[in-house]
Amino acid sequence: MLAGEKESLVSVVDEEIVGLFAAEGLLVSPEALEFLKGLDEPLAFASRVAGEARKRGLFVVERNLVEELAELKEDEKIPVPAEVSRAPDWKPLAREWGPDLRFFDSTDVSRKSRCKGKVEDFVAYFRDRLARTRKIIEARGGGGNGALSTKALPALDRGRELRVIGLVKSKRPTKKGDLLVEVEDEEGVAKVWIGKGRNEREQACFRSAAGLLLDEAVAVDGRWSDPFVIAVEIVWPDVPVRAPKRAEKDVAVAFLSDLHVGSKLFLEKEFASFIRWINGGAETREGREIAGRIKYLVVAGDIVDGIGIYPRQEKELLVRDIFEQYRICGKFLAALPDYVEVVVAPGNHDAVRRAEPQPGFSGEIADALGGGSNLHLVGSPSFAEIEGFSTLIYHGTSLDSIIAALPGMSYARPEKPMCELVRRRHLSPLFGENLIVPEQKDYMLIEKLPDIVHMGHVHKNGYEAYRGILMVNSGTWQARTEFQAKQGHMPSPGILPVYDLRKGDISAVRFADEAKAGAEGGRL
């Protein structure tokens, strides 16, 4: 649209609002006019303002009156959890079992952050990342007599086979289309030449090198040709292939993320429908059976929309008080059955530090969420053991950088980049792409083997079984945002993944509207 056309449309809106007030015998100040134009449906709201001005005997509409009425309008929309009346014949199986839940403090940064942002902190952070990843790679075997330090390379005979383990410092193509990669350890830097390949093994190595990320720790197998290591294989830490775990109890775990309570786009009706459903209000026998098995609910961050997360966010908020956002969320959590253990981690919209690893909620925010004995507040990332299932909980902020960096990744299939993070045994391998606090210990490293990995952030449901590990992205409870529409991203709101720990089935329960919720899913 041309600038002149924009100005013309603006002047038409101005004239219509001024004319509306003039017809009522009122004047409107320039400040009030500007504020009105920034609201949804400004003409309709101007009519409401005019009516109130007449009641008060005013002659001039000032900005303070418009702001007052706008705040009242927003308060009328603030979501309030409906009263839950549990069905009298509701006898959930999950109530019959006591919880089997514990947390691993060593994987959670909560109450342990000591970083001061000094150079020494960054050095210690990367040393820890490399040392612990090296142990994971060495436990996989291979590499002949073990990895050599970069310092030992110059003394080797030409053609000697070797393995070097380090952090990827740089990666660039050569004029002939080969790759030159620098791998750094505590002793120095090795130059790794990855040719397009004279045989099938070298060609496979070249293809896999397309997935190398800066700052990640890998092993390179090859031969020495001073001053290069001629690579024949790239070895990622990865996880061993295992049979999927099964529980003895007939219980299930449900997954939530990205509620965004406080946003105008929070799906209050659908979420209230979920609350009624989990309290025995399902209309179908299948739905009641699924809901009755849920013993655990794991929430992976962005439980509120937050304040000041992005420019002009206030225009998209119903609730502009951060504590009130959490109090409302706490009321929803309190409406869950008391036999369900609820585990809640933060996300990038929540009121903890934006940089990862993120500590769990504490202080006034924790108080606002409620203090029930079945509510467990953890950091992101963190590990919980649920009925013997080691469960990795992480909001998933780094999925943005992985999707951008690796070929074949997309927001439509979030389970794919989740698998790549597990393959690299690190939740944020690209340092600097999203904010990372260089703690003495790298809490983003996946040292402990998970049975379940749960993330959110991208507002899209996705599921996959990777080497015996269940990957779950639990989508969102927020409608499609303007930013997502501009990006062409289609979220999948209002879908609840439920994993049956005994059968190994995952059901995606859909809450399309208040009256109807269907289910679909299958064995992984």
Protein backbone atom coordinates (compact mmCIF):
# COMPACT_ATOMS: atom_id res chain seq x y z
CA MET A 1 0.00 0.00 0.00
CA LEU A 2 1.32 3.44 -0.94
CA ALA A 3 2.04 5.99 1.80
CA GLY A 4 -0.66 8.32 0.45
CA GLU A 5 -3.24 5.55 0.62
CA LYS A 6 -2.30 4.81 4.23
CA GLU A 7 -2.67 8.47 5.19
CA SER A 8 -6.04 8.58 3.45
CA LEU A 9 -7.33 5.56 5.41
CA VAL A 10 -6.08 7.03 8.69
CA SER A 11 -7.81 10.35 7.99
CA VAL A 12 -11.07 8.50 7.24
CA VAL A 13 -10.89 6.73 10.63
CA ASP A 14 -10.11 10.06 12.32
CA GLU A 15 -13.09 11.72 10.66
CA GLU A 16 -15.45 8.88 11.55
CA ILE A 17 -14.46 8.92 15.24
CA VAL A 18 -14.58 12.73 15.47
CA GLY A 19 -17.93 12.72 13.66
CA LEU A 20 -19.35 10.12 16.05
CA PHE A 21 -18.48 12.28 19.05
CA ALA A 22 -19.70 15.46 17.33
CA ALA A 23 -23.10 13.85 16.74
CA GLU A 24 -23.33 13.41 20.52
CA GLY A 25 -22.29 17.01 21.18
CA LEU A 26 -18.81 15.99 22.33
CA LEU A 27 -15.25 17.02 21.49
CA VAL A 28 -12.34 14.55 21.58
CA SER A 29 -8.77 15.45 22.49
CA PRO A 30 -5.93 14.49 20.06
CA GLU A 31 -4.43 12.19 22.74
CA ALA A 32 -7.74 10.38 23.24
CA LEU A 33 -8.16 10.05 19.46
CA GLU A 34 -4.71 8.45 19.06
CA PHE A 35 -5.39 6.00 21.89
CA LEU A 36 -8.75 5.02 20.40
CA LYS A 37 -7.21 4.29 16.99
CA GLY A 38 -4.85 1.77 18.58
CA LEU A 39 -7.70 -0.32 20.03
CA ASP A 40 -9.56 -3.21 18.43
CA GLU A 41 -12.75 -1.97 16.68
CA PRO A 42 -12.12 1.73 17.52
CA LEU A 43 -15.47 2.98 16.21
CA ALA A 44 -17.50 0.54 18.29
CA PHE A 45 -15.48 1.39 21.38
CA ALA A 46 -15.76 5.13 20.67
CA SER A 47 -19.54 4.72 20.82
CA ARG A 48 -19.20 3.19 24.29
CA VAL A 49 -16.93 6.05 25.39
CA ALA A 50 -19.45 8.60 24.08
CA GLY A 51 -22.25 7.00 26.09
CA GLU A 52 -20.18 7.08 29.28
CA ALA A 53 -19.15 10.71 28.65
CA ARG A 54 -22.81 11.73 28.37
CA LYS A 55 -23.61 9.96 31.65
CA ARG A 56 -20.86 11.92 33.37
CA GLY A 57 -21.95 15.25 31.86
CA LEU A 58 -18.65 15.77 30.01
CA PHE A 59 -18.10 18.03 27.01
CA VAL A 60 -14.57 16.88 26.08
CA VAL A 61 -13.40 13.24 25.91
CA GLU A 62 -9.88 13.03 27.36
CA ARG A 63 -7.43 10.14 27.11
CA ASN A 64 -7.82 9.21 30.80
CA LEU A 65 -11.50 8.32 30.24
CA VAL A 66 -10.66 6.13 27.24
CA GLU A 67 -7.88 4.36 29.17
CA GLU A 68 -10.19 3.78 32.15
CA LEU A 69 -12.90 2.21 30.00
CA ALA A 70 -10.34 0.17 28.02
CA GLU A 71 -9.01 -1.34 31.25
CA LEU A 72 -12.56 -2.20 32.36
CA LYS A 73 -13.15 -3.84 29.00
CA GLU A 74 -10.03 -5.98 29.37
CA ASP A 75 -10.98 -6.95 32.94
CA GLU A 76 -14.32 -8.24 31.67
CA LYS A 77 -12.45 -10.75 29.50
CA ILE A 78 -9.97 -11.99 32.10
CA PRO A 79 -10.23 -15.79 32.21
CA VAL A 80 -11.58 -17.22 35.43
CA PRO A 81 -11.55 -21.01 35.87
CA ALA A 82 -15.05 -22.41 36.04
CA GLU A 83 -16.19 -24.36 39.08
CA VAL A 84 -15.45 -28.05 38.57
CA SER A 85 -18.14 -30.51 39.59
CA ARG A 86 -16.74 -34.00 39.53
CA ALA A 87 -19.04 -36.76 38.33
CA PRO A 88 -20.38 -38.76 41.32
CA ASP A 89 -19.59 -42.07 39.61
CA TRP A 90 -16.04 -40.99 38.69
CA LYS A 91 -13.61 -43.66 39.92
CA PRO A 92 -10.28 -43.04 38.17
CA LEU A 93 -7.72 -45.84 38.23
CA ALA A 94 -4.93 -43.32 38.90
CA ARG A 95 -6.41 -42.49 42.33
CA GLU A 96 -5.74 -46.06 43.47
CA TRP A 97 -1.97 -45.71 43.05
CA GLY A 98 0.47 -43.69 45.12
CA PRO A 99 2.97 -41.53 43.22
CA ASP A 100 6.35 -42.89 42.17
CA LEU A 101 8.14 -39.63 41.38
CA ARG A 102 11.58 -38.27 42.13
CA PHE A 103 13.81 -35.52 40.81
CA PHE A 104 17.54 -35.34 40.00
CA ASP A 105 18.93 -32.22 41.63
CA SER A 106 22.24 -32.50 39.76
CA THR A 107 20.49 -31.82 36.42
CA ASP A 108 18.65 -28.68 37.61
CA VAL A 109 20.34 -25.26 37.97
CA SER A 110 17.74 -24.03 40.49
CA ARG A 111 19.47 -22.46 43.55
CA LYS A 112 22.89 -23.35 42.11
CA SER A 113 23.69 -20.59 39.61
CA ARG A 114 27.12 -19.11 40.36
CA CYS A 115 28.09 -17.52 37.02
CA LYS A 116 29.43 -13.94 37.07
CA GLY A 117 29.99 -13.62 33.31
CA LYS A 118 33.80 -13.61 33.52
CA VAL A 119 36.16 -15.10 30.94
CA GLU A 120 36.98 -17.88 33.37
CA ASP A 121 33.31 -18.86 33.46
CA PHE A 122 33.21 -19.36 29.69
CA VAL A 123 36.45 -21.38 29.76
CA ALA A 124 35.16 -23.61 32.56
CA TYR A 125 31.83 -24.06 30.79
CA PHE A 126 33.36 -25.31 27.53
CA ARG A 127 35.93 -27.45 29.34
CA ASP A 128 33.10 -29.14 31.21
CA ARG A 129 31.10 -29.63 28.00
CA LEU A 130 34.04 -31.24 26.24
CA ALA A 131 35.21 -33.40 29.15
CA ARG A 132 31.79 -34.91 29.84
CA THR A 133 30.94 -35.41 26.16
CA ARG A 134 34.30 -37.10 25.63
CA LYS A 135 33.36 -39.67 28.29
CA ILE A 136 30.07 -40.35 26.50
CA ILE A 137 31.81 -40.86 23.15
CA GLU A 138 34.54 -43.04 24.65
CA ALA A 139 31.89 -45.22 26.31
CA ARG A 140 30.57 -45.99 22.82
CA GLY A 141 33.89 -47.57 21.88
CA GLY A 142 35.69 -47.38 18.52
CA GLY A 143 38.63 -45.22 17.67
CA GLY A 144 41.27 -47.92 18.02
CA ASN A 145 43.52 -47.19 20.99
CA GLY A 146 41.52 -44.12 22.02
CA ALA A 147 41.43 -40.48 21.07
CA LEU A 148 44.60 -38.43 20.69
CA SER A 149 45.01 -34.84 21.82
CA THR A 150 45.55 -32.25 19.11
CA LYS A 151 48.98 -31.56 20.63
CA ALA A 152 50.13 -35.10 19.78
CA LEU A 153 49.23 -34.93 16.08
CA PRO A 154 52.36 -33.32 14.58
CA ALA A 155 54.56 -36.18 15.84
CA LEU A 156 52.52 -38.88 14.08
CA ASP A 157 53.68 -40.78 11.01
CA ARG A 158 51.93 -39.94 7.75
CA GLY A 159 48.95 -42.20 7.13
CA ARG A 160 48.52 -43.10 10.81
CA GLU A 161 44.87 -43.83 11.67
CA LEU A 162 43.55 -41.81 14.58
CA ARG A 163 40.61 -40.34 16.44
CA VAL A 164 40.42 -36.80 17.76
CA ILE A 165 37.63 -35.46 19.98
CA GLY A 166 36.90 -31.77 20.28
CA LEU A 167 34.54 -28.86 19.87
CA VAL A 168 33.77 -27.68 16.35
CA LYS A 169 35.47 -24.28 16.14
CA SER A 170 34.86 -23.49 12.47
CA LYS A 171 33.48 -25.01 9.28
CA ARG A 172 33.91 -23.68 5.75
CA PRO A 173 33.87 -24.99 2.19
CA THR A 174 37.03 -24.97 0.06
CA LYS A 175 37.28 -23.71 -3.52
CA LYS A 176 36.92 -27.31 -4.77
CA GLY A 177 33.78 -27.91 -2.70
CA ASP A 178 35.39 -29.95 0.08
CA LEU A 179 35.02 -28.99 3.74
CA LEU A 180 37.65 -27.68 6.13
CA VAL A 181 36.69 -28.01 9.78
CA GLU A 182 38.64 -26.94 12.86
CA VAL A 183 38.21 -29.09 15.96
CA GLU A 184 39.48 -27.72 19.27
CA ASP A 185 40.37 -29.47 22.51
CA GLU A 186 42.19 -28.34 25.68
CA GLU A 187 45.60 -28.62 23.95
CA GLY A 188 45.02 -26.91 20.63
CA VAL A 189 43.27 -27.08 17.27
CA ALA A 190 43.20 -29.83 14.64
CA LYS A 191 42.52 -29.00 10.99
CA VAL A 192 40.16 -31.62 9.55
CA TRP A 193 39.84 -32.09 5.80
CA ILE A 194 36.54 -33.65 4.71
CA GLY A 195 36.69 -34.43 1.01
CA LYS A 196 33.74 -35.19 -1.24
CA GLY A 197 35.14 -38.69 -1.23
CA ARG A 198 36.96 -41.25 -3.33
CA ASN A 199 35.06 -44.18 -1.85
CA GLU A 200 31.67 -44.85 -0.27
CA ARG A 201 32.88 -44.35 3.31
CA GLU A 202 34.40 -40.94 2.58
CA GLN A 203 31.32 -39.88 0.63
CA ALA A 204 29.13 -40.84 3.59
CA CYS A 205 31.43 -38.81 5.85
CA PHE A 206 31.05 -35.76 3.60
CA ARG A 207 27.26 -36.05 3.64
CA SER A 208 27.14 -36.37 7.41
CA ALA A 209 29.47 -33.37 7.83
CA ALA A 210 26.67 -31.16 6.48
CA GLY A 211 25.09 -31.64 9.90
CA LEU A 212 28.09 -30.42 11.91
CA LEU A 213 27.21 -27.53 14.20
CA LEU A 214 29.59 -24.99 15.65
CA ASP A 215 30.51 -25.54 19.32
CA GLU A 216 29.23 -29.11 19.47
CA ALA A 217 31.55 -31.89 20.64
CA VAL A 218 32.23 -34.72 18.17
CA ALA A 219 34.81 -37.36 17.39
CA VAL A 220 36.58 -37.44 14.02
CA ASP A 221 38.06 -40.72 12.79
CA GLY A 222 40.63 -40.43 10.02
CA ARG A 223 44.28 -40.58 9.11
CA TRP A 224 47.10 -38.10 9.56
CA SER A 225 48.47 -36.15 6.58
CA ASP A 226 50.35 -33.21 8.05
CA PRO A 227 48.89 -30.61 8.63
CA PHE A 228 45.45 -32.22 8.22
CA VAL A 229 43.38 -35.00 9.65
CA ILE A 230 41.77 -36.59 6.59
CA ALA A 231 38.34 -37.53 7.94
CA VAL A 232 36.61 -40.82 7.13
CA GLU A 233 33.85 -40.67 9.75
CA ILE A 234 32.16 -38.15 12.06
CA VAL A 235 31.00 -39.71 15.33
CA TRP A 236 28.34 -38.00 17.42
CA PRO A 237 27.78 -38.93 21.10
CA ASP A 238 24.23 -40.24 20.40
CA VAL A 239 22.35 -42.77 22.53
CA PRO A 240 22.39 -46.57 22.41
CA VAL A 241 19.45 -48.44 20.91
CA ARG A 242 17.22 -49.70 23.71
CA ALA A 243 13.86 -51.41 23.95
CA PRO A 244 11.11 -49.00 25.03
CA LYS A 245 10.43 -49.15 28.76
CA ARG A 246 7.07 -50.29 30.14
CA ALA A 247 5.53 -49.72 33.59
CA GLU A 248 3.76 -52.29 35.72
CA LYS A 249 1.08 -49.88 36.96
CA ASP A 250 -1.85 -49.02 34.73
CA VAL A 251 -1.16 -45.26 34.78
CA ALA A 252 -0.45 -42.52 32.24
CA VAL A 253 1.39 -39.21 31.98
CA ALA A 254 -0.06 -36.18 30.17
CA PHE A 255 1.98 -33.34 28.66
CA LEU A 256 1.26 -29.61 28.42
CA SER A 257 3.23 -26.59 27.27
CA ASP A 258 2.76 -23.02 26.07
CA LEU A 259 -0.51 -22.15 27.81
CA HIS A 260 0.21 -18.40 27.55
CA VAL A 261 -2.32 -17.48 30.23
CA GLY A 262 -2.86 -13.71 30.11
CA SER A 263 -2.76 -13.51 26.33
CA LYS A 264 -5.84 -12.51 24.37
CA LEU A 265 -5.24 -15.68 22.38
CA PHE A 266 -5.18 -18.05 25.37
CA LEU A 267 -7.75 -20.77 24.60
CA GLU A 268 -9.66 -20.42 27.84
CA LYS A 269 -12.71 -22.38 26.67
CA GLU A 270 -10.66 -25.31 25.37
CA PHE A 271 -8.50 -25.38 28.50
CA ALA A 272 -11.57 -25.31 30.74
CA SER A 273 -12.89 -28.23 28.68
CA PHE A 274 -9.66 -30.10 29.42
CA ILE A 275 -10.07 -29.38 33.15
CA ARG A 276 -13.60 -30.82 33.12
CA TRP A 277 -12.43 -33.79 31.04
CA ILE A 278 -9.64 -34.78 33.42
CA ASN A 279 -12.12 -34.52 36.31
CA GLY A 280 -14.36 -37.17 34.78
CA GLY A 281 -16.35 -35.03 32.38
CA ALA A 282 -15.43 -36.92 29.19
CA GLU A 283 -18.47 -37.75 27.07
CA THR A 284 -17.15 -41.03 25.70
CA ARG A 285 -16.09 -44.23 27.45
CA GLU A 286 -12.71 -44.08 25.73
CA GLY A 287 -12.16 -40.52 26.94
CA ARG A 288 -13.07 -41.43 30.52
CA GLU A 289 -10.67 -44.39 30.45
CA ILE A 290 -7.79 -42.24 29.17
CA ALA A 291 -8.47 -39.45 31.68
CA GLY A 292 -8.81 -41.93 34.53
CA ARG A 293 -5.29 -43.28 33.99
CA ILE A 294 -3.55 -39.88 34.16
CA LYS A 295 -1.44 -39.84 37.31
CA TYR A 296 1.15 -37.29 36.18
CA LEU A 297 0.97 -33.99 34.28
CA VAL A 298 4.23 -32.48 32.99
CA VAL A 299 4.23 -28.83 31.85
CA ALA A 300 7.17 -27.64 29.73
CA GLY A 301 7.09 -23.87 30.09
CA ASP A 302 5.44 -20.66 28.88
CA ILE A 303 2.59 -21.16 31.30
CA VAL A 304 1.85 -17.41 31.06
CA ASP A 305 2.36 -14.92 28.25
CA GLY A 306 4.59 -12.68 30.39
CA ILE A 307 5.27 -8.96 30.18
CA GLY A 308 7.68 -7.17 27.82
CA ILE A 309 8.76 -10.32 26.01
CA TYR A 310 8.54 -8.70 22.57
CA PRO A 311 7.77 -5.19 21.25
CA ARG A 312 4.18 -3.94 21.67
CA GLN A 313 3.18 -7.11 23.50
CA GLU A 314 0.81 -5.11 25.69
CA LYS A 315 -1.60 -4.84 22.75
CA GLU A 316 -2.01 -8.64 22.79
CA LEU A 317 -2.48 -9.02 26.55
CA LEU A 318 -5.69 -9.43 28.50
CA VAL A 319 -3.84 -9.37 31.81
CA ARG A 320 -1.05 -6.81 32.17
CA ASP A 321 -0.03 -7.75 35.71
CA ILE A 322 2.52 -10.59 35.73
CA PHE A 323 1.53 -11.77 39.20
CA GLU A 324 -2.13 -11.82 38.20
CA GLN A 325 -1.23 -13.97 35.19
CA TYR A 326 0.32 -16.53 37.53
CA ARG A 327 -2.56 -16.31 40.02
CA ILE A 328 -5.02 -17.13 37.23
CA CYS A 329 -2.81 -20.00 36.09
CA GLY A 330 -2.63 -21.22 39.70
CA LYS A 331 -6.43 -21.36 39.83
CA PHE A 332 -6.47 -23.58 36.75
CA LEU A 333 -3.83 -25.86 38.30
CA ALA A 334 -5.81 -26.02 41.55
CA ALA A 335 -8.81 -27.30 39.59
CA LEU A 336 -6.87 -30.44 38.56
CA PRO A 337 -7.59 -33.66 40.50
CA ASP A 338 -5.65 -33.82 43.77
CA TYR A 339 -4.28 -37.29 42.97
CA VAL A 340 -2.48 -35.99 39.82
CA GLU A 341 1.18 -35.03 40.36
CA VAL A 342 1.88 -31.81 38.44
CA VAL A 343 5.46 -30.98 37.35
CA VAL A 344 5.98 -27.43 36.01
CA ALA A 345 9.09 -26.02 34.31
CA PRO A 346 9.51 -22.44 32.96
CA GLY A 347 9.90 -21.18 29.40
CA ASN A 348 11.16 -18.04 27.68
CA HIS A 349 7.88 -16.16 28.36
CA ASP A 350 7.96 -16.91 32.08
CA ALA A 351 9.14 -14.71 34.94
CA VAL A 352 12.53 -16.30 35.48
CA ARG A 353 15.78 -15.38 33.75
CA ARG A 354 15.53 -15.62 29.97
CA ALA A 355 18.95 -17.20 29.61
CA GLU A 356 19.28 -20.98 29.89
CA PRO A 357 19.51 -23.06 31.96
CA GLN A 358 16.46 -21.58 33.66
CA PRO A 359 15.81 -22.05 37.39
CA GLY A 360 12.41 -23.14 38.63
CA PHE A 361 9.77 -20.71 39.86
CA SER A 362 10.30 -19.34 43.35
CA GLY A 363 9.22 -16.53 45.67
CA GLU A 364 6.07 -14.58 44.80
CA ILE A 365 5.60 -16.40 41.50
CA ALA A 366 5.67 -19.80 43.21
CA ASP A 367 3.21 -18.49 45.81
CA ALA A 368 0.89 -17.26 43.06
CA LEU A 369 0.85 -20.73 41.50
CA GLY A 370 -0.23 -22.30 44.78
CA GLY A 371 1.57 -24.54 47.22
CA GLY A 372 -0.18 -27.89 46.96
CA SER A 373 1.87 -30.96 47.82
CA ASN A 374 1.20 -32.35 44.33
CA LEU A 375 2.73 -29.30 42.56
CA HIS A 376 6.44 -29.62 41.77
CA LEU A 377 8.36 -26.63 40.36
CA VAL A 378 11.54 -27.53 38.47
CA GLY A 379 14.05 -25.82 36.19
CA SER A 380 14.45 -26.04 32.44
CA PRO A 381 16.08 -28.38 31.69
CA SER A 382 15.56 -30.92 34.45
CA PHE A 383 15.08 -34.65 34.91
CA ALA A 384 12.24 -36.39 36.71
CA GLU A 385 11.86 -40.13 37.21
CA ILE A 386 8.20 -41.02 36.71
CA GLU A 387 7.33 -44.64 37.50
CA GLY A 388 10.93 -45.50 36.62
CA PHE A 389 10.85 -43.53 33.34
CA SER A 390 13.70 -41.02 33.19
CA THR A 391 11.95 -37.93 31.82
CA LEU A 392 13.86 -34.97 30.39
CA ILE A 393 11.85 -31.73 30.62
CA TYR A 394 13.00 -28.75 28.54
CA HIS A 395 10.99 -25.85 27.14
CA GLY A 396 12.73 -26.11 23.77
CA THR A 397 13.97 -22.58 23.02
CA SER A 398 16.96 -23.92 21.09
CA LEU A 399 14.67 -25.66 18.57
CA ASP A 400 14.62 -22.34 16.68
CA SER A 401 18.38 -22.42 16.09
CA ILE A 402 18.46 -26.15 15.21
CA ILE A 403 15.65 -25.80 12.68
CA ALA A 404 17.50 -22.87 11.08
CA ALA A 405 20.91 -24.57 11.06
CA LEU A 406 20.18 -28.11 9.86
CA PRO A 407 18.89 -29.11 6.43
CA GLY A 408 15.53 -30.86 6.37
CA MET A 409 14.25 -29.40 9.65
CA SER A 410 10.95 -27.51 9.96
CA TYR A 411 8.49 -26.20 12.54
CA ALA A 412 5.90 -28.58 11.10
CA ARG A 413 7.82 -31.60 12.50
CA PRO A 414 9.32 -30.54 15.86
CA GLU A 415 10.12 -34.13 16.81
CA LYS A 416 12.87 -34.19 14.14
CA PRO A 417 15.05 -31.41 15.65
CA MET A 418 14.33 -32.92 19.08
CA CYS A 419 15.92 -36.16 17.87
CA GLU A 420 18.93 -34.19 16.61
CA LEU A 421 19.45 -32.62 20.04
CA VAL A 422 19.39 -36.07 21.66
CA ARG A 423 21.76 -37.39 19.00
CA ARG A 424 24.20 -34.63 19.96
CA ARG A 425 23.52 -35.21 23.68
CA HIS A 426 23.12 -31.46 24.10
CA LEU A 427 20.06 -29.22 24.33
CA SER A 428 21.74 -26.10 22.92
CA PRO A 429 24.89 -27.03 20.98
CA LEU A 430 25.10 -23.73 19.05
CA PHE A 431 26.43 -21.36 21.70
CA GLY A 432 25.12 -17.81 21.32
CA GLU A 433 22.15 -18.59 19.09
CA ASN A 434 19.94 -18.45 22.19
CA LEU A 435 21.05 -17.01 25.52
CA ILE A 436 23.15 -19.40 27.61
CA VAL A 437 24.61 -18.72 31.04
CA PRO A 438 28.14 -20.22 31.19
CA GLU A 439 27.86 -22.02 34.51
CA GLN A 440 30.78 -24.04 35.85
CA LYS A 441 28.75 -27.08 34.82
CA ASP A 442 26.99 -27.38 31.47
CA TYR A 443 23.41 -28.16 32.51
CA MET A 444 22.33 -28.34 28.85
CA LEU A 445 24.36 -31.52 28.33
CA ILE A 446 22.24 -34.69 28.19
CA GLU A 447 24.48 -36.90 30.30
CA LYS A 448 21.73 -39.05 31.77
CA LEU A 449 19.91 -41.31 29.31
CA PRO A 450 16.23 -40.33 29.04
CA ASP A 451 13.27 -42.62 28.38
CA ILE A 452 11.00 -39.66 27.58
CA VAL A 453 11.94 -36.24 26.21
CA HIS A 454 9.29 -33.52 26.54
CA MET A 455 9.52 -30.09 24.91
CA GLY A 456 7.22 -27.29 23.73
CA HIS A 457 8.05 -23.78 22.45
CA VAL A 458 7.19 -24.22 18.76
CA HIS A 459 3.39 -24.56 19.30
CA LYS A 460 3.22 -27.72 17.20
CA ASN A 461 2.52 -31.25 18.40
CA GLY A 462 4.96 -33.95 17.37
CA TYR A 463 5.82 -37.49 18.47
CA GLU A 464 8.53 -39.99 17.58
CA ALA A 465 10.26 -43.03 19.00
CA TYR A 466 14.04 -42.55 18.68
CA ARG A 467 16.21 -45.51 19.69
CA GLY A 468 13.73 -46.49 22.39
CA ILE A 469 13.19 -42.90 23.62
CA LEU A 470 9.76 -41.28 23.33
CA MET A 471 9.92 -37.75 21.91
CA VAL A 472 6.91 -35.56 22.74
CA ASN A 473 6.26 -31.98 21.74
CA SER A 474 3.00 -30.98 23.38
CA GLY A 475 2.00 -28.03 21.21
CA THR A 476 0.13 -25.09 22.73
CA TRP A 477 -3.10 -23.70 24.22
CA GLN A 478 -2.76 -20.38 22.41
CA ALA A 479 -4.45 -19.57 19.10
CA ARG A 480 -2.39 -18.67 16.03
CA THR A 481 -0.55 -15.41 16.57
CA GLU A 482 -0.04 -12.61 14.05
CA PHE A 483 3.69 -13.39 13.95
CA GLN A 484 3.01 -17.07 13.19
CA ALA A 485 0.61 -16.10 10.43
CA LYS A 486 3.27 -13.88 8.83
CA GLN A 487 5.76 -16.75 9.01
CA GLY A 488 3.28 -19.23 7.53
CA HIS A 489 3.45 -21.38 10.68
CA MET A 490 0.34 -23.40 11.52
CA PRO A 491 0.27 -24.30 15.24
CA SER A 492 -1.74 -27.21 16.63
CA PRO A 493 -3.51 -25.74 19.66
CA GLY A 494 -5.67 -27.57 22.18
CA ILE A 495 -4.22 -31.07 21.73
CA LEU A 496 -3.21 -33.03 24.85
CA PRO A 497 -0.70 -35.91 24.45
CA VAL A 498 -1.30 -38.72 26.96
CA TYR A 499 1.21 -41.58 27.23
CA ASP A 500 0.07 -44.89 28.71
CA LEU A 501 3.13 -46.08 30.63
CA ARG A 502 2.04 -49.73 30.74
CA LYS A 503 0.84 -50.19 27.16
CA GLY A 504 3.23 -47.80 25.40
CA ASP A 505 0.36 -46.05 23.60
CA ILE A 506 0.20 -42.31 23.05
CA SER A 507 -3.16 -40.62 22.55
CA ALA A 508 -3.56 -37.11 21.17
CA VAL A 509 -6.75 -35.90 22.83
CA ARG A 510 -8.31 -33.00 20.93
CA PHE A 511 -10.34 -30.28 22.62
CA ALA A 512 -11.92 -28.65 19.57
CA ASP A 513 -14.70 -27.03 21.59
CA GLU A 514 -16.29 -27.18 25.01
CA ALA A 515 -18.77 -29.89 24.16
CA LYS A 516 -16.64 -32.32 22.19
CA ALA A 517 -13.20 -33.88 22.64
CA GLY A 518 -12.03 -36.73 20.45
CA ALA A 519 -8.95 -38.90 20.73
CA GLU A 520 -6.52 -40.38 18.27
CA GLY A 521 -3.20 -42.07 18.72
CA GLY A 522 -1.38 -45.37 18.56
CA ARG A 523 1.51 -47.49 19.71
CA LEU A 524 5.03 -46.15 19.24
